[in-house]
Amino acid sequence: MRVLTPFGAAAGDTRPLARRRPSLAGLRIGILDNSKPNAIALLEQVAEGLVARAEGARIVRWQKPGASLPATIIDEVAAGADVVLTASAD
């Protein structure tokens, strides 16, 4: 019997992490709801916790109807928020 490992090599280019903001104070915290059950509940809780710790921060919300996201929405989110949270929470 031949046993194969389930681990594969990840293909593709690696990219550096986005630069971390020193503070969220006064920033627009975007939440992008993917319309999966419970995703918005998770996103709202996390965003509200961040806003409570960051003076003057506010939440900006977007909801996408399905798995894919048109480039125009991505541009809108990028222009309308300083940081963005998204989640998949089935």
C-alpha atoms as a PDB file:
ATOM      1  CA  MET A   1       0.000   0.000   0.000  1.00  0.00           C
ATOM      2  CA  ARG A   2       1.242   3.457  -0.883  1.00  0.00           C
ATOM      3  CA  VAL A   3       0.393   6.275   1.553  1.00  0.00           C
ATOM      4  CA  LEU A   4       0.442   9.812   0.208  1.00  0.00           C
ATOM      5  CA  THR A   5       0.872  12.925   2.269  1.00  0.00           C
ATOM      6  CA  PRO A   6      -2.108  15.303   2.219  1.00  0.00           C
ATOM      7  CA  PHE A   7       0.174  18.321   2.422  1.00  0.00           C
ATOM      8  CA  GLY A   8       1.026  20.067  -0.802  1.00  0.00           C
ATOM      9  CA  ALA A   9       3.291  22.915  -1.683  1.00  0.00           C
ATOM     10  CA  ALA A  10       1.648  26.301  -1.997  1.00  0.00           C
ATOM     11  CA  ALA A  11       2.130  27.794  -5.419  1.00  0.00           C
ATOM     12  CA  GLY A  12       2.263  31.445  -6.261  1.00  0.00           C
ATOM     13  CA  ASP A  13       4.054  34.584  -5.344  1.00  0.00           C
ATOM     14  CA  THR A  14       4.441  35.612  -1.746  1.00  0.00           C
ATOM     15  CA  ARG A  15       3.499  39.124  -0.770  1.00  0.00           C
ATOM     16  CA  PRO A  16       4.391  41.123   2.306  1.00  0.00           C
ATOM     17  CA  LEU A  17       1.738  41.854   4.903  1.00  0.00           C
ATOM     18  CA  ALA A  18       0.028  45.225   4.737  1.00  0.00           C
ATOM     19  CA  ARG A  19       1.626  47.930   6.853  1.00  0.00           C
ATOM     20  CA  ARG A  20       0.081  47.973  10.318  1.00  0.00           C
ATOM     21  CA  ARG A  21      -1.535  51.212  11.449  1.00  0.00           C
ATOM     22  CA  PRO A  22      -0.076  52.585  14.700  1.00  0.00           C
ATOM     23  CA  SER A  23      -3.605  53.497  15.869  1.00  0.00           C
ATOM     24  CA  LEU A  24      -7.201  53.141  14.703  1.00  0.00           C
ATOM     25  CA  ALA A  25      -8.193  56.478  16.282  1.00  0.00           C
ATOM     26  CA  GLY A  26     -10.239  58.566  13.859  1.00  0.00           C
ATOM     27  CA  LEU A  27     -10.178  55.933  11.113  1.00  0.00           C
ATOM     28  CA  ARG A  28     -13.005  54.422   9.060  1.00  0.00           C
ATOM     29  CA  ILE A  29     -13.199  50.725   9.919  1.00  0.00           C
ATOM     30  CA  GLY A  30     -14.869  48.941   7.016  1.00  0.00           C
ATOM     31  CA  ILE A  31     -16.699  45.668   7.332  1.00  0.00           C
ATOM     32  CA  LEU A  32     -17.395  43.622   4.216  1.00  0.00           C
ATOM     33  CA  ASP A  33     -20.201  41.126   4.830  1.00  0.00           C
ATOM     34  CA  ASN A  34     -20.136  38.171   2.437  1.00  0.00           C
ATOM     35  CA  SER A  35     -23.810  37.338   3.195  1.00  0.00           C
ATOM     36  CA  LYS A  36     -22.967  33.992   4.797  1.00  0.00           C
ATOM     37  CA  PRO A  37     -24.907  33.125   7.949  1.00  0.00           C
ATOM     38  CA  ASN A  38     -23.337  34.691  11.056  1.00  0.00           C
ATOM     39  CA  ALA A  39     -20.613  36.604   9.184  1.00  0.00           C
ATOM     40  CA  ILE A  40     -22.200  39.972   9.950  1.00  0.00           C
ATOM     41  CA  ALA A  41     -22.599  39.085  13.641  1.00  0.00           C
ATOM     42  CA  LEU A  42     -18.882  38.292  13.888  1.00  0.00           C
ATOM     43  CA  LEU A  43     -17.851  41.384  11.923  1.00  0.00           C
ATOM     44  CA  GLU A  44     -20.088  43.732  13.937  1.00  0.00           C
ATOM     45  CA  GLN A  45     -18.748  42.406  17.253  1.00  0.00           C
ATOM     46  CA  VAL A  46     -15.113  42.785  16.204  1.00  0.00           C
ATOM     47  CA  ALA A  47     -15.652  46.228  14.650  1.00  0.00           C
ATOM     48  CA  GLU A  48     -17.577  47.510  17.681  1.00  0.00           C
ATOM     49  CA  GLY A  49     -14.767  46.305  19.954  1.00  0.00           C
ATOM     50  CA  LEU A  50     -12.197  48.156  17.855  1.00  0.00           C
ATOM     51  CA  VAL A  51     -14.277  51.361  17.753  1.00  0.00           C
ATOM     52  CA  ALA A  52     -14.674  51.249  21.545  1.00  0.00           C
ATOM     53  CA  ARG A  53     -10.865  51.329  21.874  1.00  0.00           C
ATOM     54  CA  ALA A  54     -10.152  53.907  19.174  1.00  0.00           C
ATOM     55  CA  GLU A  55     -11.362  57.447  19.784  1.00  0.00           C
ATOM     56  CA  GLY A  56     -13.234  58.895  16.824  1.00  0.00           C
ATOM     57  CA  ALA A  57     -13.199  55.678  14.775  1.00  0.00           C
ATOM     58  CA  ARG A  58     -16.397  54.738  12.972  1.00  0.00           C
ATOM     59  CA  ILE A  59     -17.777  51.699  11.171  1.00  0.00           C
ATOM     60  CA  VAL A  60     -18.558  51.705   7.441  1.00  0.00           C
ATOM     61  CA  ARG A  61     -20.497  48.707   6.094  1.00  0.00           C
ATOM     62  CA  TRP A  62     -20.728  46.909   2.747  1.00  0.00           C
ATOM     63  CA  GLN A  63     -22.587  43.722   1.891  1.00  0.00           C
ATOM     64  CA  LYS A  64     -21.868  41.572  -1.108  1.00  0.00           C
ATOM     65  CA  PRO A  65     -24.578  39.254  -2.412  1.00  0.00           C
ATOM     66  CA  GLY A  66     -22.348  36.277  -3.210  1.00  0.00           C
ATOM     67  CA  ALA A  67     -18.864  34.812  -3.332  1.00  0.00           C
ATOM     68  CA  SER A  68     -17.517  36.976  -6.133  1.00  0.00           C
ATOM     69  CA  LEU A  69     -17.036  40.700  -5.861  1.00  0.00           C
ATOM     70  CA  PRO A  70     -16.964  43.109  -8.810  1.00  0.00           C
ATOM     71  CA  ALA A  71     -13.856  45.281  -9.112  1.00  0.00           C
ATOM     72  CA  THR A  72     -16.016  48.396  -8.738  1.00  0.00           C
ATOM     73  CA  ILE A  73     -17.043  47.311  -5.235  1.00  0.00           C
ATOM     74  CA  ILE A  74     -13.420  46.607  -4.320  1.00  0.00           C
ATOM     75  CA  ASP A  75     -12.522  50.128  -5.439  1.00  0.00           C
ATOM     76  CA  GLU A  76     -15.442  51.560  -3.438  1.00  0.00           C
ATOM     77  CA  VAL A  77     -14.382  49.715  -0.277  1.00  0.00           C
ATOM     78  CA  ALA A  78     -10.741  50.758  -0.740  1.00  0.00           C
ATOM     79  CA  ALA A  79     -11.765  54.409  -1.125  1.00  0.00           C
ATOM     80  CA  GLY A  80     -14.351  54.370   1.672  1.00  0.00           C
ATOM     81  CA  ALA A  81     -12.409  52.763   4.519  1.00  0.00           C
ATOM     82  CA  ASP A  82      -8.978  53.060   6.080  1.00  0.00           C
ATOM     83  CA  VAL A  83      -8.929  49.433   7.273  1.00  0.00           C
ATOM     84  CA  VAL A  84     -11.290  46.603   6.293  1.00  0.00           C
ATOM     85  CA  LEU A  85     -12.471  43.466   8.076  1.00  0.00           C
ATOM     86  CA  THR A  86     -14.086  40.549   6.290  1.00  0.00           C
ATOM     87  CA  ALA A  87     -15.005  37.044   7.410  1.00  0.00           C
ATOM     88  CA  SER A  88     -16.555  33.799   6.306  1.00  0.00           C
ATOM     89  CA  ALA A  89     -18.701  32.471   9.123  1.00  0.00           C
ATOM     90  CA  ASP A  90     -21.001  29.643   8.134  1.00  0.00           C
END
